């Protein structure tokens, strides 16, 4: 019987790596939709959106990570995720509803397009974390 191929996955946040290990598959939220990667996937680089990355390990355990944008690269059965913010879902803390309300108010008053985009990303990040926490 031939050996089953696996992926090697590294998920790296700004402060430290959050995951390194073998996996049979990975799903991620790209900027334009979801994508799935299995061994033998063609080389690629894509921009990630705000959302979740799921890694299914060789023992069928699913690890979940909250990702705040970044990039994903696939090459020779190795997947590297570089993210502005990457946290294991088990490390997420509760989302304060007042924080969401504060950002919504700031967005309504903001006129600078660059600052407005930053605030929108922060709002999406908080909402995504809240959604992931409720799904645990």
Protein backbone atom coordinates (compact mmCIF):
# COMPACT_ATOMS: atom_id res chain seq x y z
CA UNK A 1 0.00 0.00 0.00
CA UNK A 2 1.40 3.41 -0.95
CA UNK A 3 2.04 6.03 1.71
CA UNK A 4 -0.67 8.65 1.92
CA UNK A 5 0.59 12.17 1.14
CA UNK A 6 -0.07 14.96 3.60
CA UNK A 7 0.23 18.72 3.69
CA UNK A 8 2.56 20.56 6.00
CA UNK A 9 0.87 23.69 7.38
CA UNK A 10 2.32 26.78 9.06
CA UNK A 11 0.02 29.53 10.31
CA UNK A 12 1.99 32.58 11.39
CA UNK A 13 0.71 35.68 13.14
CA UNK A 14 2.65 38.90 13.72
CA UNK A 15 3.94 37.85 17.12
CA UNK A 16 4.47 34.11 16.75
CA UNK A 17 3.56 30.96 14.83
CA UNK A 18 0.14 29.69 15.93
CA UNK A 19 0.19 26.30 14.19
CA UNK A 20 2.74 24.01 12.57
CA UNK A 21 2.03 20.43 11.61
CA UNK A 22 0.87 17.85 9.13
CA UNK A 23 -2.66 17.92 7.79
CA UNK A 24 -4.88 16.14 5.29
CA UNK A 25 -6.74 19.31 4.30
CA UNK A 26 -7.17 23.00 4.98
CA UNK A 27 -10.01 25.40 4.25
CA UNK A 28 -9.64 29.17 4.33
CA UNK A 29 -11.56 32.36 3.65
CA UNK A 30 -9.90 34.02 0.68
CA UNK A 31 -10.74 37.63 -0.15
CA UNK A 32 -13.24 36.48 -2.80
CA UNK A 33 -14.63 33.26 -1.29
CA UNK A 34 -13.74 30.01 0.42
CA UNK A 35 -11.05 27.65 -0.78
CA UNK A 36 -10.00 24.13 0.07
CA UNK A 37 -6.56 22.60 -0.24
CA UNK A 38 -5.55 18.96 -0.20
CA UNK A 39 -2.25 17.21 -0.97
CA UNK A 40 -1.24 17.63 -4.61
CA UNK A 41 -2.82 21.10 -4.89
CA UNK A 42 -1.31 23.32 -7.58
CA UNK A 43 1.03 26.07 -6.39
CA UNK A 44 -0.77 29.33 -5.65
CA UNK A 45 -0.76 32.52 -3.61
CA UNK A 46 -3.96 34.25 -2.56
CA UNK A 47 -5.01 37.14 -0.40
CA UNK A 48 -7.05 36.11 2.63
CA UNK A 49 -10.13 37.84 3.94
CA UNK A 50 -11.34 38.10 7.51
CA UNK A 51 -12.64 34.74 8.66
CA UNK A 52 -11.66 31.24 9.60
CA UNK A 53 -8.98 28.76 8.62
CA UNK A 54 -9.70 25.11 9.42
CA UNK A 55 -6.93 22.55 9.49
CA UNK A 56 -7.84 18.85 9.50
CA UNK A 57 -4.89 16.95 10.93
CA UNK A 58 -3.82 13.43 10.04
CA UNK A 59 -5.79 12.09 13.03
CA UNK A 60 -8.97 13.86 11.76
CA UNK A 61 -8.86 16.52 14.50
CA UNK A 62 -10.06 19.91 13.23
CA UNK A 63 -8.19 22.99 14.47
CA UNK A 64 -9.84 26.37 13.90
CA UNK A 65 -8.14 29.75 13.60
CA UNK A 66 -9.49 33.29 13.36
CA UNK A 67 -7.63 35.16 10.62
CA UNK A 68 -7.62 38.92 10.05
CA UNK A 69 -6.56 39.16 6.45
CA UNK A 70 -3.16 38.10 5.16
CA UNK A 71 -1.83 35.73 2.52
CA UNK A 72 -1.85 32.01 1.87
CA UNK A 73 0.76 30.23 -0.23
CA UNK A 74 0.68 26.62 -1.46
CA UNK A 75 3.79 24.98 -2.89
CA UNK A 76 4.90 21.34 -2.95
CA UNK A 77 2.32 20.22 -0.36
CA UNK A 78 3.31 23.01 2.03
CA UNK A 79 0.77 25.67 3.04
CA UNK A 80 1.90 28.90 4.71
CA UNK A 81 -0.61 31.38 6.11
CA UNK A 82 0.73 34.81 7.05
CA UNK A 83 -1.81 37.00 8.81
CA UNK A 84 -2.12 40.41 10.47
CA UNK A 85 -3.88 38.60 13.30
CA UNK A 86 -4.05 34.82 13.66
CA UNK A 87 -5.52 33.26 16.77
CA UNK A 88 -6.54 29.74 17.70
CA UNK A 89 -10.30 29.91 18.28
CA UNK A 90 -9.72 28.55 21.80
CA UNK A 91 -7.65 31.69 22.54
CA UNK A 92 -10.41 34.12 21.53
CA UNK A 93 -11.95 36.19 24.27
CA UNK A 94 -15.52 37.43 24.30
CA UNK A 95 -16.46 40.32 22.06
CA UNK A 96 -17.75 43.37 23.87
CA UNK A 97 -20.94 44.67 22.17
CA UNK A 98 -19.94 48.23 23.18
CA UNK A 99 -16.80 47.89 21.03
CA UNK A 100 -18.94 47.06 18.00
CA UNK A 101 -21.26 50.00 18.70
CA UNK A 102 -18.29 52.36 19.13
CA UNK A 103 -16.80 51.34 15.77
CA UNK A 104 -20.18 51.68 14.02
CA UNK A 105 -20.46 55.26 15.37
CA UNK A 106 -16.90 56.08 14.30
CA UNK A 107 -17.62 54.70 10.82
CA UNK A 108 -20.69 56.91 10.46
CA UNK A 109 -18.66 60.04 11.23
CA UNK A 110 -15.44 59.18 9.36
CA UNK A 111 -14.72 60.94 6.06
CA UNK A 112 -11.15 59.74 5.36
CA UNK A 113 -11.46 56.68 3.03
CA UNK A 114 -8.29 55.03 4.37
CA UNK A 115 -9.38 55.36 8.01
CA UNK A 116 -12.90 54.24 7.07
CA UNK A 117 -11.47 51.06 5.50
CA UNK A 118 -9.44 50.38 8.67
CA UNK A 119 -12.52 50.81 10.85
CA UNK A 120 -14.56 48.56 8.55
CA UNK A 121 -11.87 45.83 8.80
CA UNK A 122 -11.88 46.17 12.61
CA UNK A 123 -15.67 45.84 12.66
CA UNK A 124 -15.59 42.76 10.42
CA UNK A 125 -12.87 41.24 12.63
CA UNK A 126 -14.95 41.71 15.81
CA UNK A 127 -18.06 40.29 14.15
CA UNK A 128 -16.09 37.32 12.77
CA UNK A 129 -14.59 36.57 16.20
CA UNK A 130 -18.03 36.80 17.80
CA UNK A 131 -19.45 34.39 15.21
CA UNK A 132 -16.58 31.92 15.72
CA UNK A 133 -16.99 32.05 19.50
CA UNK A 134 -20.70 31.32 19.25
CA UNK A 135 -19.98 28.30 17.02
CA UNK A 136 -17.58 26.71 19.56
